[in-house]
Amino acid sequence: MNDTRNDKSSFAHRIKACETLIGTFIKVPTTHTTEVMGSVGFDFIVIDQEHAPFDRLSIDSVILASIANGMPALVRVGDPSPANILSALDCGAAGVLVPHIDSAEKAAAIASACRYRTGRRGFSRTGRAGGYGAAGVTEHLDRQDAETICIAMIEDVAAIECIDAIAAVEGIDAIFIGRADLSVAMGEVSSAAPRVIDAVRAIAEATARAGKPLLTLAESLADRQAMAALGASSFLVGSDIAFLRRAATQSLAEHRHSDT
């Protein structure tokens, strides 16, 4: 197992250095699929609180499973409130993806919620993030501020108009383009629509101007290559549910066919 995946400092450095990292969404609120994803070698996972039935206890359990399998966990939060972001970080998340950031003000607010010294994150070192009290106060402050990844998700038309300002916000460590939401917001049904492609390019160019990493979903190998050409470096590939459905569908089809 590649133990460096479990080093949050290394993970933050690798994201910021624009290394090619491959992750996947976790939508099953138990430890089992996370253990599988860690065992096959994914670089990281994103716990999907926004679109899956995760509460604090299930997030805590899945993060523990990710750590046990040497794999950092980000949380896509369903509620961008400081309290909810704090909950994910105290559980030991390597960082957060925050949906629907469509202004510099919202970007600044989530960056503040992720940081102690330059923000307004509520202080605690008694949870997993602080080694259950083992970390000293200064050590905890320094490590969390340096290692926590705050990612703004761009998926609204309003965000395109101020994308340079959003990307430039101090404390926003990376930009994630949510192309499915963006397509729907633009009245399109496909991310391949010309208007969406133009918007994605504009977001990618603004992210590059700000010197920030760009993340996105890779719908296929060809799609990943196309997004890499626009500057994306880290990619989310499917989800535990998608992998389960694909394998189950294939297996059932093979066995049904063998009966004919």
Protein backbone atom coordinates (compact mmCIF):
# COMPACT_ATOMS: atom_id res chain seq x y z
CA MET A 1 0.00 0.00 0.00
CA ASN A 2 1.23 3.51 -0.79
CA ASP A 3 1.38 5.01 2.69
CA THR A 4 2.12 8.51 1.38
CA ARG A 5 -1.52 8.77 0.34
CA ASN A 6 -2.45 8.93 4.02
CA ASP A 7 -0.16 11.89 4.72
CA LYS A 8 -2.38 14.97 4.70
CA SER A 9 0.63 17.24 4.31
CA SER A 10 1.74 15.25 1.29
CA PHE A 11 -1.79 15.27 -0.14
CA ALA A 12 -2.12 19.05 0.21
CA HIS A 13 1.28 19.49 -1.42
CA ARG A 14 0.38 17.15 -4.28
CA ILE A 15 -2.91 18.93 -4.95
CA LYS A 16 -1.26 22.35 -4.90
CA ALA A 17 1.63 21.11 -7.04
CA CYS A 18 -0.92 20.04 -9.67
CA GLU A 19 0.11 16.39 -9.61
CA THR A 20 -2.22 14.04 -11.44
CA LEU A 21 -4.42 12.49 -8.76
CA ILE A 22 -7.39 10.17 -9.25
CA GLY A 23 -10.26 10.04 -6.78
CA THR A 24 -13.86 8.90 -6.64
CA PHE A 25 -17.09 9.87 -4.92
CA ILE A 26 -18.33 7.82 -1.97
CA LYS A 27 -22.12 7.70 -1.72
CA VAL A 28 -22.61 4.66 0.52
CA PRO A 29 -22.61 5.82 4.18
CA THR A 30 -20.78 2.79 5.55
CA THR A 31 -17.12 1.87 5.62
CA HIS A 32 -17.16 -1.00 3.14
CA THR A 33 -16.94 0.69 -0.24
CA THR A 34 -14.35 3.10 1.10
CA GLU A 35 -12.20 0.15 2.16
CA VAL A 36 -12.50 -1.26 -1.36
CA MET A 37 -11.51 2.04 -2.98
CA GLY A 38 -8.50 2.29 -0.71
CA SER A 39 -7.46 -1.29 -1.42
CA VAL A 40 -7.46 -0.78 -5.20
CA GLY A 41 -5.29 2.33 -4.94
CA PHE A 42 -7.36 5.49 -5.44
CA ASP A 43 -5.42 8.60 -4.42
CA PHE A 44 -8.35 10.09 -2.51
CA ILE A 45 -12.11 9.94 -2.02
CA VAL A 46 -14.83 12.58 -1.81
CA ILE A 47 -17.57 11.79 0.69
CA ASP A 48 -20.74 13.12 -0.92
CA GLN A 49 -22.77 14.71 1.84
CA GLU A 50 -24.59 16.86 -0.74
CA HIS A 51 -26.23 14.02 -2.67
CA ALA A 52 -26.02 10.99 -0.37
CA PRO A 53 -27.41 10.15 3.09
CA PHE A 54 -24.42 11.12 5.22
CA ASP A 55 -24.68 12.46 8.76
CA ARG A 56 -21.79 13.34 11.06
CA LEU A 57 -21.46 9.82 12.45
CA SER A 58 -21.32 8.18 9.02
CA ILE A 59 -18.84 10.79 7.77
CA ASP A 60 -16.69 10.12 10.84
CA SER A 61 -16.78 6.36 10.19
CA VAL A 62 -15.93 6.66 6.50
CA ILE A 63 -13.04 9.02 7.22
CA LEU A 64 -11.69 6.49 9.71
CA ALA A 65 -11.93 3.79 7.01
CA SER A 66 -10.11 6.03 4.54
CA ILE A 67 -7.30 6.72 7.00
CA ALA A 68 -7.01 3.01 7.82
CA ASN A 69 -6.56 2.34 4.10
CA GLY A 70 -4.01 5.08 3.52
CA MET A 71 -6.30 7.33 1.50
CA PRO A 72 -7.19 10.99 2.25
CA ALA A 73 -10.88 11.93 2.33
CA LEU A 74 -12.43 15.18 1.21
CA VAL A 75 -16.08 15.99 1.99
CA ARG A 76 -18.46 17.58 -0.50
CA VAL A 77 -20.58 19.39 2.05
CA GLY A 78 -24.32 19.65 1.68
CA ASP A 79 -24.53 22.76 3.85
CA PRO A 80 -21.77 25.37 3.44
CA SER A 81 -22.26 26.74 6.96
CA PRO A 82 -19.16 27.21 9.13
CA ALA A 83 -20.56 24.66 11.61
CA ASN A 84 -20.93 21.95 8.97
CA ILE A 85 -17.50 22.61 7.47
CA LEU A 86 -16.04 22.53 10.99
CA SER A 87 -17.70 19.17 11.63
CA ALA A 88 -16.09 17.58 8.56
CA LEU A 89 -12.65 18.99 9.36
CA ASP A 90 -12.77 17.98 13.03
CA CYS A 91 -13.57 14.42 11.90
CA GLY A 92 -10.25 14.41 10.07
CA ALA A 93 -11.23 15.32 6.51
CA ALA A 94 -8.32 16.50 4.39
CA GLY A 95 -10.53 19.31 3.18
CA VAL A 96 -13.90 20.23 1.70
CA LEU A 97 -15.52 20.76 -1.66
CA VAL A 98 -18.18 23.44 -1.34
CA PRO A 99 -20.92 23.55 -3.99
CA HIS A 100 -22.39 26.61 -5.69
CA ILE A 101 -19.75 29.22 -4.95
CA ASP A 102 -20.92 32.04 -7.19
CA SER A 103 -19.30 35.11 -5.66
CA ALA A 104 -16.01 36.19 -4.14
CA GLU A 105 -17.86 36.86 -0.89
CA LYS A 106 -19.01 33.23 -0.65
CA ALA A 107 -15.52 32.05 -1.51
CA ALA A 108 -14.03 34.19 1.25
CA ALA A 109 -16.59 32.86 3.73
CA ILE A 110 -15.74 29.19 3.11
CA ALA A 111 -12.01 29.91 3.15
CA SER A 112 -12.48 31.58 6.52
CA ALA A 113 -14.43 28.58 7.84
CA CYS A 114 -11.48 26.31 6.95
CA ARG A 115 -8.72 28.30 8.67
CA TYR A 116 -7.82 29.18 12.23
CA ARG A 117 -5.31 32.02 12.05
CA THR A 118 -6.56 33.70 8.88
CA GLY A 119 -10.18 32.71 9.36
CA ARG A 120 -12.89 31.90 11.86
CA ARG A 121 -12.74 28.13 12.24
CA GLY A 122 -13.89 27.08 15.69
CA PHE A 123 -10.97 25.74 17.70
CA SER A 124 -10.77 22.17 18.95
CA ARG A 125 -7.96 19.66 19.14
CA THR A 126 -9.89 16.93 20.96
CA GLY A 127 -11.21 15.23 17.83
CA ARG A 128 -9.46 13.09 15.22
CA ALA A 129 -7.97 16.14 13.49
CA GLY A 130 -6.12 17.03 16.70
CA GLY A 131 -5.11 13.49 17.59
CA TYR A 132 -7.74 13.46 20.35
CA GLY A 133 -5.75 16.04 22.26
CA ALA A 134 -2.29 14.70 21.48
CA ALA A 135 -1.40 17.67 19.26
CA GLY A 136 -0.21 20.80 21.00
CA VAL A 137 -2.14 24.01 20.39
CA THR A 138 0.48 25.62 18.13
CA GLU A 139 1.13 22.34 16.32
CA HIS A 140 -2.57 21.86 15.67
CA LEU A 141 -3.06 25.42 14.45
CA ASP A 142 -0.07 25.23 12.12
CA ARG A 143 -0.84 21.80 10.68
CA GLN A 144 -4.53 22.37 10.08
CA ASP A 145 -4.02 25.76 8.46
CA ALA A 146 -1.28 24.37 6.21
CA GLU A 147 -2.84 21.03 5.32
CA THR A 148 -6.58 21.72 4.96
CA ILE A 149 -7.73 21.97 1.34
CA CYS A 150 -10.59 24.35 0.56
CA ILE A 151 -12.08 23.79 -2.90
CA ALA A 152 -14.70 26.04 -4.46
CA MET A 153 -17.12 24.31 -6.81
CA ILE A 154 -18.11 26.43 -9.81
CA GLU A 155 -21.46 25.33 -11.22
CA ASP A 156 -23.62 28.45 -11.61
CA VAL A 157 -23.95 31.02 -14.39
CA ALA A 158 -23.39 33.84 -11.89
CA ALA A 159 -20.00 32.38 -10.98
CA ILE A 160 -18.72 32.71 -14.54
CA GLU A 161 -19.17 36.46 -14.46
CA CYS A 162 -16.88 36.83 -11.44
CA ILE A 163 -14.68 33.76 -11.78
CA ASP A 164 -11.42 35.75 -11.68
CA ALA A 165 -12.40 37.27 -8.34
CA ILE A 166 -13.45 33.89 -6.92
CA ALA A 167 -10.27 32.13 -8.01
CA ALA A 168 -8.11 34.89 -6.58
CA VAL A 169 -9.56 34.67 -3.05
CA GLU A 170 -6.86 33.86 -0.51
CA GLY A 171 -7.55 30.53 1.15
CA ILE A 172 -9.27 29.02 -1.87
CA ASP A 173 -6.79 26.28 -2.68
CA ALA A 174 -8.38 24.88 -5.83
CA ILE A 175 -11.33 25.18 -8.20
CA PHE A 176 -13.63 22.33 -9.16
CA ILE A 177 -15.85 22.68 -12.23
CA GLY A 178 -19.23 21.03 -11.71
CA ARG A 179 -20.09 20.61 -15.36
CA ALA A 180 -23.38 18.74 -14.86
CA ASP A 181 -24.87 21.44 -12.64
CA LEU A 182 -23.41 24.14 -14.85
CA SER A 183 -24.99 22.58 -17.93
CA VAL A 184 -28.43 22.44 -16.30
CA ALA A 185 -28.03 26.00 -15.00
CA MET A 186 -27.33 27.12 -18.56
CA GLY A 187 -30.41 25.33 -19.89
CA GLU A 188 -28.42 22.57 -21.54
CA VAL A 189 -28.65 18.80 -21.13
CA SER A 190 -25.05 18.01 -22.02
CA SER A 191 -21.65 19.35 -21.01
CA ALA A 192 -20.72 19.00 -24.68
CA ALA A 193 -22.99 21.92 -25.61
CA PRO A 194 -20.92 24.75 -27.15
CA ARG A 195 -22.07 27.30 -24.53
CA VAL A 196 -20.99 24.99 -21.73
CA ILE A 197 -17.64 24.26 -23.38
CA ASP A 198 -16.99 28.01 -23.65
CA ALA A 199 -17.91 28.51 -19.99
CA VAL A 200 -15.67 25.66 -18.87
CA ARG A 201 -12.78 27.11 -20.85
CA ALA A 202 -13.33 30.52 -19.23
CA ILE A 203 -13.29 28.96 -15.75
CA ALA A 204 -10.15 26.98 -16.54
CA GLU A 205 -8.37 30.06 -17.86
CA ALA A 206 -9.29 32.11 -14.79
CA THR A 207 -8.08 29.32 -12.51
CA ALA A 208 -4.76 29.24 -14.36
CA ARG A 209 -4.41 33.02 -14.08
CA ALA A 210 -4.86 32.71 -10.31
CA GLY A 211 -2.25 29.96 -10.16
CA LYS A 212 -4.69 27.52 -8.57
CA PRO A 213 -5.16 23.79 -9.29
CA LEU A 214 -8.19 22.73 -11.32
CA LEU A 215 -10.22 19.62 -10.53
CA THR A 216 -13.10 18.05 -12.42
CA LEU A 217 -15.05 14.87 -13.03
CA ALA A 218 -13.62 12.67 -15.78
CA GLU A 219 -16.52 11.09 -17.66
CA SER A 220 -14.17 8.99 -19.80
CA LEU A 221 -10.49 8.72 -20.65
CA ALA A 222 -11.01 11.01 -23.64
CA ASP A 223 -12.86 13.50 -21.44
CA ARG A 224 -10.04 13.40 -18.89
CA GLN A 225 -7.50 14.12 -21.62
CA ALA A 226 -9.58 17.03 -22.90
CA MET A 227 -9.88 18.52 -19.42
CA ALA A 228 -6.17 17.98 -18.78
CA ALA A 229 -5.50 20.01 -21.92
CA LEU A 230 -7.44 22.85 -20.26
CA GLY A 231 -5.28 22.57 -17.15
CA ALA A 232 -7.11 20.11 -14.91
CA SER A 233 -4.75 18.01 -12.80
CA SER A 234 -6.91 16.00 -10.37
CA PHE A 235 -9.91 13.99 -11.47
CA LEU A 236 -12.90 12.28 -9.93
CA VAL A 237 -13.82 9.04 -11.66
CA GLY A 238 -17.34 7.78 -11.02
CA SER A 239 -18.54 6.69 -7.59
CA ASP A 240 -18.91 3.58 -5.51
CA ILE A 241 -22.57 3.34 -6.55
CA ALA A 242 -21.69 3.77 -10.24
CA PHE A 243 -19.03 1.06 -10.03
CA LEU A 244 -21.47 -1.29 -8.28
CA ARG A 245 -24.21 -0.70 -10.84
CA ARG A 246 -21.86 -1.13 -13.79
CA ALA A 247 -20.41 -4.39 -12.49
CA ALA A 248 -23.82 -5.73 -11.48
CA THR A 249 -25.32 -4.88 -14.86
CA GLN A 250 -22.44 -6.51 -16.71
CA SER A 251 -22.52 -9.65 -14.57
CA LEU A 252 -26.28 -10.07 -14.88
CA ALA A 253 -26.16 -9.55 -18.63
CA GLU A 254 -23.43 -12.16 -18.99
CA HIS A 255 -25.38 -14.74 -17.00
CA ARG A 256 -28.67 -13.98 -18.73
CA HIS A 257 -26.92 -14.38 -22.07
CA SER A 258 -25.40 -17.69 -21.01
CA ASP A 259 -28.91 -19.09 -20.49
CA THR A 260 -29.96 -18.44 -24.10
